[in-house]
């Protein structure tokens, strides 16, 4: 019985081996068999843990499986400092398989973590310094599954809303503006906040410019289009028409001097955009500099107030559920 269905997403070259041949191969290379079995066990172990860890509740079963595949088993000698308070060197997330570690904060012992516990979750979504020192117990080595931030980000790269929710729940008032803008519920609350401060046009512009950038990313290989009998030149012409239409919409609504919702930006950036329009130089990322200016301005002004407002607490944190390692005692739910 097949355990799964495998479908190629792009044209692929595949190496295959008959089951009997593979068994013979493993017989003559027993070390490889042991490594494969260990890898499968580690993947299953990490996948099982991901089902129970609160911060991963938003991940789909596929994402949790990928998290397991991307984990690495590490055996750490007794007495080793895994994470040091105030240090940014090790941002990995760890799940303890066997052994114990001591957590110290400000030079004082906080708690002991053991089999099934985890630590380092903030490092998955933030480059902030470690908030505590984690040291392997002096009584023996510790075996963990380690997940690097790069692995986690690669897993959720196609699901920005999921990554944003995890970040918001973990970081709370330390959340980033990018997380708020990537999460539907948080974005809606922030837009309402900006409306109260008469600054909604800045967010509207930034979002419209991002939609424009997204159009460029909607690509299908020419070979696929031809195979489907699609007129490739017609598709390209339609994309260019849509580009011109969206650019002119953004220019007229936010950029020109008598714009309906004129956005505050430097004169240099505004003039550069108007000059490109006059020359007919359209591109999907032509508003990148203006976006950056508006983003930085909103982040330093409106967003700073929003993070410390009742709107953020009630409409975002209370609804999403603020994650607290201290509350969870670093243990998995139902463990």
C-alpha atoms as a PDB file:
ATOM      1  CA  UNK A   1       0.000   0.000   0.000  1.00  0.00           C
ATOM      2  CA  UNK A   2       1.340   3.433  -0.959  1.00  0.00           C
ATOM      3  CA  UNK A   3       1.814   5.871   1.931  1.00  0.00           C
ATOM      4  CA  UNK A   4       1.388   8.948  -0.266  1.00  0.00           C
ATOM      5  CA  UNK A   5       0.770  10.249  -3.776  1.00  0.00           C
ATOM      6  CA  UNK A   6       3.718  12.020  -5.419  1.00  0.00           C
ATOM      7  CA  UNK A   7       3.040  14.465  -8.253  1.00  0.00           C
ATOM      8  CA  UNK A   8       5.666  16.409 -10.226  1.00  0.00           C
ATOM      9  CA  UNK A   9       5.105  20.172 -10.121  1.00  0.00           C
ATOM     10  CA  UNK A  10       7.598  20.914 -12.922  1.00  0.00           C
ATOM     11  CA  UNK A  11       9.341  18.931 -15.652  1.00  0.00           C
ATOM     12  CA  UNK A  12      11.588  16.542 -13.707  1.00  0.00           C
ATOM     13  CA  UNK A  13      14.300  13.923 -14.119  1.00  0.00           C
ATOM     14  CA  UNK A  14      13.796  11.089 -11.636  1.00  0.00           C
ATOM     15  CA  UNK A  15      16.108   8.261 -10.566  1.00  0.00           C
ATOM     16  CA  UNK A  16      14.275   5.144  -9.435  1.00  0.00           C
ATOM     17  CA  UNK A  17      15.236   1.768  -7.986  1.00  0.00           C
ATOM     18  CA  UNK A  18      13.151  -1.374  -7.697  1.00  0.00           C
ATOM     19  CA  UNK A  19      12.262  -2.385  -4.143  1.00  0.00           C
ATOM     20  CA  UNK A  20      14.252  -5.656  -4.265  1.00  0.00           C
ATOM     21  CA  UNK A  21      17.327  -3.887  -5.634  1.00  0.00           C
ATOM     22  CA  UNK A  22      17.056  -1.259  -2.898  1.00  0.00           C
ATOM     23  CA  UNK A  23      16.879  -3.946  -0.190  1.00  0.00           C
ATOM     24  CA  UNK A  24      19.986  -5.630  -1.649  1.00  0.00           C
ATOM     25  CA  UNK A  25      21.747  -2.259  -1.686  1.00  0.00           C
ATOM     26  CA  UNK A  26      20.957  -1.652   1.988  1.00  0.00           C
ATOM     27  CA  UNK A  27      22.142  -5.150   2.856  1.00  0.00           C
ATOM     28  CA  UNK A  28      25.611  -4.425   1.485  1.00  0.00           C
ATOM     29  CA  UNK A  29      25.713  -0.891   2.968  1.00  0.00           C
ATOM     30  CA  UNK A  30      24.300  -1.383   6.493  1.00  0.00           C
ATOM     31  CA  UNK A  31      25.533   2.005   7.722  1.00  0.00           C
ATOM     32  CA  UNK A  32      23.337   3.739   5.155  1.00  0.00           C
ATOM     33  CA  UNK A  33      20.352   1.703   6.310  1.00  0.00           C
ATOM     34  CA  UNK A  34      20.930   2.816   9.894  1.00  0.00           C
ATOM     35  CA  UNK A  35      21.197   6.449   8.807  1.00  0.00           C
ATOM     36  CA  UNK A  36      18.007   6.245   6.746  1.00  0.00           C
ATOM     37  CA  UNK A  37      16.066   4.648   9.609  1.00  0.00           C
ATOM     38  CA  UNK A  38      17.371   7.279  12.032  1.00  0.00           C
ATOM     39  CA  UNK A  39      16.371  10.052   9.633  1.00  0.00           C
ATOM     40  CA  UNK A  40      12.848   8.630   9.282  1.00  0.00           C
ATOM     41  CA  UNK A  41      12.506   8.308  13.052  1.00  0.00           C
ATOM     42  CA  UNK A  42      13.695  11.893  13.593  1.00  0.00           C
ATOM     43  CA  UNK A  43      11.265  13.202  10.972  1.00  0.00           C
ATOM     44  CA  UNK A  44       8.347  11.328  12.552  1.00  0.00           C
ATOM     45  CA  UNK A  45       9.427  12.496  16.007  1.00  0.00           C
ATOM     46  CA  UNK A  46       9.623  16.160  14.990  1.00  0.00           C
ATOM     47  CA  UNK A  47       6.321  15.942  13.111  1.00  0.00           C
ATOM     48  CA  UNK A  48       4.635  14.476  16.202  1.00  0.00           C
ATOM     49  CA  UNK A  49       6.049  17.270  18.382  1.00  0.00           C
ATOM     50  CA  UNK A  50       4.939  19.943  15.923  1.00  0.00           C
ATOM     51  CA  UNK A  51       1.353  18.722  16.336  1.00  0.00           C
ATOM     52  CA  UNK A  52       1.487  19.585  20.042  1.00  0.00           C
ATOM     53  CA  UNK A  53       3.659  22.711  20.268  1.00  0.00           C
ATOM     54  CA  UNK A  54       1.345  25.755  20.667  1.00  0.00           C
ATOM     55  CA  UNK A  55       3.253  28.134  18.367  1.00  0.00           C
ATOM     56  CA  UNK A  56       2.930  25.690  15.462  1.00  0.00           C
ATOM     57  CA  UNK A  57      -0.849  25.326  15.722  1.00  0.00           C
ATOM     58  CA  UNK A  58      -1.377  27.444  12.559  1.00  0.00           C
ATOM     59  CA  UNK A  59       0.800  25.204  10.384  1.00  0.00           C
ATOM     60  CA  UNK A  60      -0.882  22.818   7.973  1.00  0.00           C
ATOM     61  CA  UNK A  61      -0.081  19.074   8.208  1.00  0.00           C
ATOM     62  CA  UNK A  62       2.202  19.502   5.182  1.00  0.00           C
ATOM     63  CA  UNK A  63       4.102  22.358   6.844  1.00  0.00           C
ATOM     64  CA  UNK A  64       4.496  20.322  10.029  1.00  0.00           C
ATOM     65  CA  UNK A  65       5.856  17.420   8.000  1.00  0.00           C
ATOM     66  CA  UNK A  66       8.353  19.731   6.292  1.00  0.00           C
ATOM     67  CA  UNK A  67       9.349  21.025   9.696  1.00  0.00           C
ATOM     68  CA  UNK A  68      10.157  17.454  10.693  1.00  0.00           C
ATOM     69  CA  UNK A  69      12.153  16.831   7.518  1.00  0.00           C
ATOM     70  CA  UNK A  70      14.102  20.044   8.079  1.00  0.00           C
ATOM     71  CA  UNK A  71      15.085  19.205  11.657  1.00  0.00           C
ATOM     72  CA  UNK A  72      18.542  17.923  12.617  1.00  0.00           C
ATOM     73  CA  UNK A  73      19.447  15.573  15.464  1.00  0.00           C
ATOM     74  CA  UNK A  74      22.301  16.891  17.607  1.00  0.00           C
ATOM     75  CA  UNK A  75      24.005  15.362  20.635  1.00  0.00           C
ATOM     76  CA  UNK A  76      25.380  18.049  22.941  1.00  0.00           C
ATOM     77  CA  UNK A  77      28.005  17.199  25.602  1.00  0.00           C
ATOM     78  CA  UNK A  78      27.315  17.729  29.305  1.00  0.00           C
ATOM     79  CA  UNK A  79      27.970  21.224  30.614  1.00  0.00           C
ATOM     80  CA  UNK A  80      27.732  22.852  27.152  1.00  0.00           C
ATOM     81  CA  UNK A  81      26.141  26.301  26.943  1.00  0.00           C
ATOM     82  CA  UNK A  82      23.671  26.049  24.053  1.00  0.00           C
ATOM     83  CA  UNK A  83      22.331  29.604  24.277  1.00  0.00           C
ATOM     84  CA  UNK A  84      23.855  32.516  26.152  1.00  0.00           C
ATOM     85  CA  UNK A  85      21.762  35.382  27.499  1.00  0.00           C
ATOM     86  CA  UNK A  86      22.310  38.580  25.511  1.00  0.00           C
ATOM     87  CA  UNK A  87      23.991  36.698  22.656  1.00  0.00           C
ATOM     88  CA  UNK A  88      22.648  36.392  19.092  1.00  0.00           C
ATOM     89  CA  UNK A  89      24.942  33.633  17.835  1.00  0.00           C
ATOM     90  CA  UNK A  90      22.594  30.667  18.211  1.00  0.00           C
ATOM     91  CA  UNK A  91      19.044  31.328  16.991  1.00  0.00           C
ATOM     92  CA  UNK A  92      18.048  27.670  16.590  1.00  0.00           C
ATOM     93  CA  UNK A  93      14.890  26.153  18.054  1.00  0.00           C
ATOM     94  CA  UNK A  94      15.418  22.966  20.074  1.00  0.00           C
ATOM     95  CA  UNK A  95      13.207  20.041  21.107  1.00  0.00           C
ATOM     96  CA  UNK A  96      14.756  17.817  23.777  1.00  0.00           C
ATOM     97  CA  UNK A  97      14.697  14.096  22.901  1.00  0.00           C
ATOM     98  CA  UNK A  98      16.786  12.859  25.793  1.00  0.00           C
ATOM     99  CA  UNK A  99      18.593  14.596  28.630  1.00  0.00           C
ATOM    100  CA  UNK A 100      18.224  17.784  30.658  1.00  0.00           C
ATOM    101  CA  UNK A 101      19.152  21.473  30.349  1.00  0.00           C
ATOM    102  CA  UNK A 102      19.170  24.281  32.903  1.00  0.00           C
ATOM    103  CA  UNK A 103      17.667  27.693  32.114  1.00  0.00           C
ATOM    104  CA  UNK A 104      19.268  30.677  33.848  1.00  0.00           C
ATOM    105  CA  UNK A 105      18.305  34.341  33.618  1.00  0.00           C
ATOM    106  CA  UNK A 106      20.346  37.178  35.091  1.00  0.00           C
ATOM    107  CA  UNK A 107      22.674  34.606  36.628  1.00  0.00           C
ATOM    108  CA  UNK A 108      19.822  32.932  38.531  1.00  0.00           C
ATOM    109  CA  UNK A 109      18.407  29.453  37.967  1.00  0.00           C
ATOM    110  CA  UNK A 110      14.900  29.587  36.444  1.00  0.00           C
ATOM    111  CA  UNK A 111      13.917  26.021  35.578  1.00  0.00           C
ATOM    112  CA  UNK A 112      15.091  22.648  34.353  1.00  0.00           C
ATOM    113  CA  UNK A 113      13.930  21.340  30.960  1.00  0.00           C
ATOM    114  CA  UNK A 114      13.817  17.647  30.089  1.00  0.00           C
ATOM    115  CA  UNK A 115      12.482  15.134  27.532  1.00  0.00           C
ATOM    116  CA  UNK A 116       9.673  16.671  25.478  1.00  0.00           C
ATOM    117  CA  UNK A 117      10.445  20.277  26.448  1.00  0.00           C
ATOM    118  CA  UNK A 118      11.607  22.897  23.945  1.00  0.00           C
ATOM    119  CA  UNK A 119      13.328  26.286  23.875  1.00  0.00           C
ATOM    120  CA  UNK A 120      14.568  28.982  21.483  1.00  0.00           C
ATOM    121  CA  UNK A 121      11.231  29.598  19.711  1.00  0.00           C
ATOM    122  CA  UNK A 122      11.674  33.393  19.496  1.00  0.00           C
ATOM    123  CA  UNK A 123      14.795  32.844  17.389  1.00  0.00           C
ATOM    124  CA  UNK A 124      12.647  31.388  14.591  1.00  0.00           C
ATOM    125  CA  UNK A 125      11.049  34.756  13.867  1.00  0.00           C
ATOM    126  CA  UNK A 126      13.366  37.362  15.383  1.00  0.00           C
ATOM    127  CA  UNK A 127      17.053  38.294  15.471  1.00  0.00           C
ATOM    128  CA  UNK A 128      16.726  39.497  19.055  1.00  0.00           C
ATOM    129  CA  UNK A 129      19.387  38.444  21.545  1.00  0.00           C
ATOM    130  CA  UNK A 130      18.717  35.339  23.641  1.00  0.00           C
ATOM    131  CA  UNK A 131      16.671  36.189  26.738  1.00  0.00           C
ATOM    132  CA  UNK A 132      18.186  33.413  28.868  1.00  0.00           C
ATOM    133  CA  UNK A 133      21.189  31.117  29.137  1.00  0.00           C
ATOM    134  CA  UNK A 134      20.487  27.453  28.405  1.00  0.00           C
ATOM    135  CA  UNK A 135      23.117  24.959  29.515  1.00  0.00           C
ATOM    136  CA  UNK A 136      23.225  21.171  29.262  1.00  0.00           C
ATOM    137  CA  UNK A 137      23.064  19.560  32.707  1.00  0.00           C
ATOM    138  CA  UNK A 138      26.365  18.475  34.246  1.00  0.00           C
ATOM    139  CA  UNK A 139      24.874  15.001  34.825  1.00  0.00           C
ATOM    140  CA  UNK A 140      25.006  13.928  31.180  1.00  0.00           C
ATOM    141  CA  UNK A 141      24.773  14.768  27.477  1.00  0.00           C
ATOM    142  CA  UNK A 142      21.573  15.978  25.850  1.00  0.00           C
ATOM    143  CA  UNK A 143      20.113  14.888  22.511  1.00  0.00           C
ATOM    144  CA  UNK A 144      17.892  17.408  20.710  1.00  0.00           C
ATOM    145  CA  UNK A 145      16.209  18.066  17.405  1.00  0.00           C
ATOM    146  CA  UNK A 146      17.385  21.445  16.123  1.00  0.00           C
ATOM    147  CA  UNK A 147      15.497  23.615  13.646  1.00  0.00           C
ATOM    148  CA  UNK A 148      17.338  26.553  12.105  1.00  0.00           C
ATOM    149  CA  UNK A 149      15.458  29.841  11.450  1.00  0.00           C
ATOM    150  CA  UNK A 150      16.321  29.555   7.749  1.00  0.00           C
ATOM    151  CA  UNK A 151      14.596  26.160   7.586  1.00  0.00           C
ATOM    152  CA  UNK A 152      11.482  27.493   9.317  1.00  0.00           C
ATOM    153  CA  UNK A 153      11.314  30.552   7.037  1.00  0.00           C
ATOM    154  CA  UNK A 154      11.703  28.397   3.916  1.00  0.00           C
ATOM    155  CA  UNK A 155       8.784  26.241   5.097  1.00  0.00           C
ATOM    156  CA  UNK A 156       6.364  29.152   5.558  1.00  0.00           C
ATOM    157  CA  UNK A 157       7.662  31.395   2.746  1.00  0.00           C
ATOM    158  CA  UNK A 158       4.555  30.585   0.679  1.00  0.00           C
ATOM    159  CA  UNK A 159       2.275  31.293   3.654  1.00  0.00           C
ATOM    160  CA  UNK A 160       3.171  34.799   4.908  1.00  0.00           C
ATOM    161  CA  UNK A 161      -0.009  35.029   7.004  1.00  0.00           C
ATOM    162  CA  UNK A 162       0.976  31.909   8.954  1.00  0.00           C
ATOM    163  CA  UNK A 163       4.500  33.196   9.571  1.00  0.00           C
ATOM    164  CA  UNK A 164       3.056  36.570  10.602  1.00  0.00           C
ATOM    165  CA  UNK A 165       0.635  35.036  13.113  1.00  0.00           C
ATOM    166  CA  UNK A 166       3.396  33.020  14.752  1.00  0.00           C
ATOM    167  CA  UNK A 167       5.554  36.156  14.963  1.00  0.00           C
ATOM    168  CA  UNK A 168       2.765  38.293  16.432  1.00  0.00           C
ATOM    169  CA  UNK A 169       1.849  35.677  19.034  1.00  0.00           C
ATOM    170  CA  UNK A 170       5.490  35.254  20.033  1.00  0.00           C
ATOM    171  CA  UNK A 171       6.666  38.874  19.936  1.00  0.00           C
ATOM    172  CA  UNK A 172       3.538  40.734  21.092  1.00  0.00           C
ATOM    173  CA  UNK A 173       4.305  44.462  21.314  1.00  0.00           C
ATOM    174  CA  UNK A 174       7.664  43.663  19.764  1.00  0.00           C
ATOM    175  CA  UNK A 175       5.952  42.630  16.510  1.00  0.00           C
ATOM    176  CA  UNK A 176       7.155  44.089  13.221  1.00  0.00           C
ATOM    177  CA  UNK A 177       5.081  46.187  10.847  1.00  0.00           C
ATOM    178  CA  UNK A 178       5.665  43.603   8.097  1.00  0.00           C
ATOM    179  CA  UNK A 179       3.964  40.958  10.277  1.00  0.00           C
ATOM    180  CA  UNK A 180       0.940  43.211  10.817  1.00  0.00           C
ATOM    181  CA  UNK A 181       0.611  43.953   7.105  1.00  0.00           C
ATOM    182  CA  UNK A 182       0.885  40.253   6.211  1.00  0.00           C
ATOM    183  CA  UNK A 183      -1.866  39.130   8.598  1.00  0.00           C
ATOM    184  CA  UNK A 184      -5.503  39.866   7.530  1.00  0.00           C
ATOM    185  CA  UNK A 185      -6.935  40.416  11.024  1.00  0.00           C
ATOM    186  CA  UNK A 186      -3.976  42.482  12.268  1.00  0.00           C
ATOM    187  CA  UNK A 187      -3.863  44.508   9.042  1.00  0.00           C
ATOM    188  CA  UNK A 188      -7.559  45.377   9.314  1.00  0.00           C
ATOM    189  CA  UNK A 189      -7.074  46.556  12.915  1.00  0.00           C
ATOM    190  CA  UNK A 190      -4.070  48.670  11.912  1.00  0.00           C
ATOM    191  CA  UNK A 191      -5.925  50.252   8.981  1.00  0.00           C
ATOM    192  CA  UNK A 192      -8.732  51.266  11.359  1.00  0.00           C
ATOM    193  CA  UNK A 193      -6.134  52.761  13.683  1.00  0.00           C
ATOM    194  CA  UNK A 194      -4.621  54.738  10.793  1.00  0.00           C
ATOM    195  CA  UNK A 195      -8.081  55.994   9.831  1.00  0.00           C
ATOM    196  CA  UNK A 196      -8.386  57.530  13.300  1.00  0.00           C
ATOM    197  CA  UNK A 197      -5.046  59.262  12.760  1.00  0.00           C
ATOM    198  CA  UNK A 198      -5.975  60.380   9.211  1.00  0.00           C
ATOM    199  CA  UNK A 199      -3.103  58.362   7.756  1.00  0.00           C
ATOM    200  CA  UNK A 200      -4.917  55.549   5.950  1.00  0.00           C
ATOM    201  CA  UNK A 201      -3.678  56.701   2.527  1.00  0.00           C
ATOM    202  CA  UNK A 202      -0.140  55.611   3.443  1.00  0.00           C
ATOM    203  CA  UNK A 203      -1.220  52.015   4.031  1.00  0.00           C
ATOM    204  CA  UNK A 204      -3.521  52.018   1.002  1.00  0.00           C
ATOM    205  CA  UNK A 205      -0.634  53.159  -1.219  1.00  0.00           C
ATOM    206  CA  UNK A 206       1.782  50.588   0.207  1.00  0.00           C
ATOM    207  CA  UNK A 207      -0.719  47.757  -0.293  1.00  0.00           C
ATOM    208  CA  UNK A 208      -1.633  48.841  -3.843  1.00  0.00           C
ATOM    209  CA  UNK A 209       2.062  48.986  -4.755  1.00  0.00           C
ATOM    210  CA  UNK A 210       2.551  45.492  -3.327  1.00  0.00           C
ATOM    211  CA  UNK A 211      -0.373  44.188  -5.403  1.00  0.00           C
ATOM    212  CA  UNK A 212       1.348  45.624  -8.474  1.00  0.00           C
ATOM    213  CA  UNK A 213       4.564  43.793  -7.597  1.00  0.00           C
ATOM    214  CA  UNK A 214       2.567  40.600  -7.128  1.00  0.00           C
ATOM    215  CA  UNK A 215       1.252  40.728 -10.701  1.00  0.00           C
ATOM    216  CA  UNK A 216       4.791  40.279 -12.018  1.00  0.00           C
ATOM    217  CA  UNK A 217       5.216  37.117  -9.928  1.00  0.00           C
ATOM    218  CA  UNK A 218       2.169  35.457 -11.480  1.00  0.00           C
ATOM    219  CA  UNK A 219       4.114  33.610 -14.150  1.00  0.00           C
ATOM    220  CA  UNK A 220       3.485  30.369 -16.005  1.00  0.00           C
ATOM    221  CA  UNK A 221       6.169  28.761 -18.149  1.00  0.00           C
ATOM    222  CA  UNK A 222       5.791  29.384 -21.875  1.00  0.00           C
ATOM    223  CA  UNK A 223       6.019  25.656 -22.590  1.00  0.00           C
ATOM    224  CA  UNK A 224       3.031  25.039 -20.303  1.00  0.00           C
ATOM    225  CA  UNK A 225       1.002  27.823 -21.933  1.00  0.00           C
ATOM    226  CA  UNK A 226       1.778  26.471 -25.403  1.00  0.00           C
ATOM    227  CA  UNK A 227       0.844  22.950 -24.321  1.00  0.00           C
ATOM    228  CA  UNK A 228      -2.518  24.315 -23.173  1.00  0.00           C
ATOM    229  CA  UNK A 229      -3.001  26.065 -26.515  1.00  0.00           C
ATOM    230  CA  UNK A 230      -2.774  29.552 -24.989  1.00  0.00           C
ATOM    231  CA  UNK A 231      -1.745  32.510 -27.145  1.00  0.00           C
ATOM    232  CA  UNK A 232       1.528  33.536 -25.405  1.00  0.00           C
ATOM    233  CA  UNK A 233       1.880  36.983 -27.093  1.00  0.00           C
ATOM    234  CA  UNK A 234      -1.720  37.784 -26.108  1.00  0.00           C
ATOM    235  CA  UNK A 235      -0.985  36.888 -22.481  1.00  0.00           C
ATOM    236  CA  UNK A 236       2.095  39.123 -22.496  1.00  0.00           C
ATOM    237  CA  UNK A 237       0.132  42.000 -24.059  1.00  0.00           C
ATOM    238  CA  UNK A 238      -2.594  41.665 -21.405  1.00  0.00           C
ATOM    239  CA  UNK A 239       0.011  41.735 -18.655  1.00  0.00           C
ATOM    240  CA  UNK A 240       1.529  44.927 -20.082  1.00  0.00           C
ATOM    241  CA  UNK A 241      -1.934  46.495 -20.341  1.00  0.00           C
ATOM    242  CA  UNK A 242      -2.635  45.613 -16.714  1.00  0.00           C
ATOM    243  CA  UNK A 243       0.752  47.065 -15.704  1.00  0.00           C
ATOM    244  CA  UNK A 244       0.013  50.409 -17.373  1.00  0.00           C
ATOM    245  CA  UNK A 245      -3.495  50.521 -15.938  1.00  0.00           C
ATOM    246  CA  UNK A 246      -2.379  49.820 -12.334  1.00  0.00           C
ATOM    247  CA  UNK A 247       0.567  52.219 -12.478  1.00  0.00           C
ATOM    248  CA  UNK A 248      -1.595  55.092 -13.730  1.00  0.00           C
ATOM    249  CA  UNK A 249      -4.191  54.310 -11.053  1.00  0.00           C
ATOM    250  CA  UNK A 250      -1.552  54.553  -8.294  1.00  0.00           C
ATOM    251  CA  UNK A 251       0.002  57.691  -9.763  1.00  0.00           C
ATOM    252  CA  UNK A 252      -3.321  59.519 -10.038  1.00  0.00           C
ATOM    253  CA  UNK A 253      -4.594  58.405  -6.636  1.00  0.00           C
ATOM    254  CA  UNK A 254      -1.477  58.939  -4.513  1.00  0.00           C
ATOM    255  CA  UNK A 255       1.390  60.692  -6.333  1.00  0.00           C
ATOM    256  CA  UNK A 256       0.349  63.698  -8.459  1.00  0.00           C
ATOM    257  CA  UNK A 257       0.080  67.077  -6.739  1.00  0.00           C
ATOM    258  CA  UNK A 258      -3.721  67.135  -6.668  1.00  0.00           C
ATOM    259  CA  UNK A 259      -4.061  63.405  -5.942  1.00  0.00           C
ATOM    260  CA  UNK A 260      -7.214  62.144  -4.251  1.00  0.00           C
ATOM    261  CA  UNK A 261      -5.197  60.606  -1.381  1.00  0.00           C
ATOM    262  CA  UNK A 262      -1.799  62.250  -1.742  1.00  0.00           C
ATOM    263  CA  UNK A 263       0.899  60.328   0.117  1.00  0.00           C
ATOM    264  CA  UNK A 264       3.659  62.089   2.020  1.00  0.00           C
ATOM    265  CA  UNK A 265       7.041  61.304   0.419  1.00  0.00           C
ATOM    266  CA  UNK A 266      10.215  63.168  -0.512  1.00  0.00           C
ATOM    267  CA  UNK A 267      10.068  65.527  -3.467  1.00  0.00           C
ATOM    268  CA  UNK A 268      12.950  63.682  -5.086  1.00  0.00           C
ATOM    269  CA  UNK A 269      11.137  60.340  -5.132  1.00  0.00           C
ATOM    270  CA  UNK A 270       7.867  61.950  -6.291  1.00  0.00           C
ATOM    271  CA  UNK A 271       9.552  63.795  -9.171  1.00  0.00           C
ATOM    272  CA  UNK A 272      11.406  60.654 -10.233  1.00  0.00           C
ATOM    273  CA  UNK A 273       8.117  58.749 -10.466  1.00  0.00           C
ATOM    274  CA  UNK A 274       6.413  61.494 -12.455  1.00  0.00           C
ATOM    275  CA  UNK A 275       9.363  61.672 -14.819  1.00  0.00           C
ATOM    276  CA  UNK A 276       9.166  57.919 -15.473  1.00  0.00           C
ATOM    277  CA  UNK A 277       5.470  58.250 -16.263  1.00  0.00           C
ATOM    278  CA  UNK A 278       6.128  61.086 -18.716  1.00  0.00           C
ATOM    279  CA  UNK A 279       8.705  58.894 -20.466  1.00  0.00           C
ATOM    280  CA  UNK A 280       6.398  55.892 -20.480  1.00  0.00           C
ATOM    281  CA  UNK A 281       8.819  53.861 -18.339  1.00  0.00           C
ATOM    282  CA  UNK A 282       6.489  51.474 -16.538  1.00  0.00           C
ATOM    283  CA  UNK A 283       7.657  48.595 -14.338  1.00  0.00           C
ATOM    284  CA  UNK A 284       6.079  46.401 -11.673  1.00  0.00           C
ATOM    285  CA  UNK A 285       8.543  47.549  -8.999  1.00  0.00           C
ATOM    286  CA  UNK A 286       8.763  51.227  -9.947  1.00  0.00           C
ATOM    287  CA  UNK A 287       7.279  52.290  -6.580  1.00  0.00           C
ATOM    288  CA  UNK A 288       9.887  50.411  -4.491  1.00  0.00           C
ATOM    289  CA  UNK A 289      11.681  53.550  -3.237  1.00  0.00           C
ATOM    290  CA  UNK A 290       8.397  55.283  -2.416  1.00  0.00           C
ATOM    291  CA  UNK A 291       7.172  52.147  -0.615  1.00  0.00           C
ATOM    292  CA  UNK A 292      10.336  52.075   1.484  1.00  0.00           C
ATOM    293  CA  UNK A 293       9.946  55.728   2.468  1.00  0.00           C
ATOM    294  CA  UNK A 294       6.292  55.319   3.410  1.00  0.00           C
ATOM    295  CA  UNK A 295       6.970  52.075   5.281  1.00  0.00           C
ATOM    296  CA  UNK A 296       9.749  53.649   7.384  1.00  0.00           C
ATOM    297  CA  UNK A 297       7.611  56.689   8.154  1.00  0.00           C
ATOM    298  CA  UNK A 298       4.574  54.615   9.206  1.00  0.00           C
ATOM    299  CA  UNK A 299       6.743  52.239  11.232  1.00  0.00           C
ATOM    300  CA  UNK A 300       8.290  55.069  13.228  1.00  0.00           C
ATOM    301  CA  UNK A 301       5.044  56.975  13.704  1.00  0.00           C
ATOM    302  CA  UNK A 302       1.596  55.329  13.428  1.00  0.00           C
ATOM    303  CA  UNK A 303       2.792  51.795  14.059  1.00  0.00           C
ATOM    304  CA  UNK A 304       4.689  52.680  17.228  1.00  0.00           C
ATOM    305  CA  UNK A 305       1.510  54.103  18.752  1.00  0.00           C
ATOM    306  CA  UNK A 306      -0.600  51.211  17.472  1.00  0.00           C
ATOM    307  CA  UNK A 307       1.550  48.552  19.192  1.00  0.00           C
ATOM    308  CA  UNK A 308       0.936  50.167  22.568  1.00  0.00           C
ATOM    309  CA  UNK A 309      -2.736  50.883  22.025  1.00  0.00           C
ATOM    310  CA  UNK A 310      -5.863  49.150  23.286  1.00  0.00           C
ATOM    311  CA  UNK A 311      -6.755  48.437  19.650  1.00  0.00           C
ATOM    312  CA  UNK A 312      -3.676  46.244  19.286  1.00  0.00           C
ATOM    313  CA  UNK A 313      -4.329  44.468  22.569  1.00  0.00           C
ATOM    314  CA  UNK A 314      -8.041  43.828  22.015  1.00  0.00           C
ATOM    315  CA  UNK A 315      -8.282  43.415  18.240  1.00  0.00           C
ATOM    316  CA  UNK A 316      -5.020  41.544  17.652  1.00  0.00           C
ATOM    317  CA  UNK A 317      -3.367  39.959  20.690  1.00  0.00           C
ATOM    318  CA  UNK A 318      -6.570  38.973  22.482  1.00  0.00           C
ATOM    319  CA  UNK A 319      -8.047  37.447  19.327  1.00  0.00           C
ATOM    320  CA  UNK A 320      -4.915  35.638  18.160  1.00  0.00           C
ATOM    321  CA  UNK A 321      -3.850  34.584  21.645  1.00  0.00           C
ATOM    322  CA  UNK A 322      -0.540  35.835  23.007  1.00  0.00           C
ATOM    323  CA  UNK A 323       1.970  33.020  23.396  1.00  0.00           C
ATOM    324  CA  UNK A 324       3.947  33.012  26.637  1.00  0.00           C
ATOM    325  CA  UNK A 325       6.818  30.559  27.244  1.00  0.00           C
ATOM    326  CA  UNK A 326       6.559  31.227  30.989  1.00  0.00           C
ATOM    327  CA  UNK A 327       2.849  30.331  30.948  1.00  0.00           C
ATOM    328  CA  UNK A 328       3.515  27.139  29.004  1.00  0.00           C
ATOM    329  CA  UNK A 329       6.560  26.278  31.131  1.00  0.00           C
ATOM    330  CA  UNK A 330       8.233  25.349  27.834  1.00  0.00           C
ATOM    331  CA  UNK A 331       6.155  22.164  27.643  1.00  0.00           C
ATOM    332  CA  UNK A 332       4.011  20.954  24.793  1.00  0.00           C
ATOM    333  CA  UNK A 333       0.256  20.896  25.043  1.00  0.00           C
ATOM    334  CA  UNK A 334      -1.072  17.509  26.171  1.00  0.00           C
ATOM    335  CA  UNK A 335       2.442  16.173  26.652  1.00  0.00           C
END
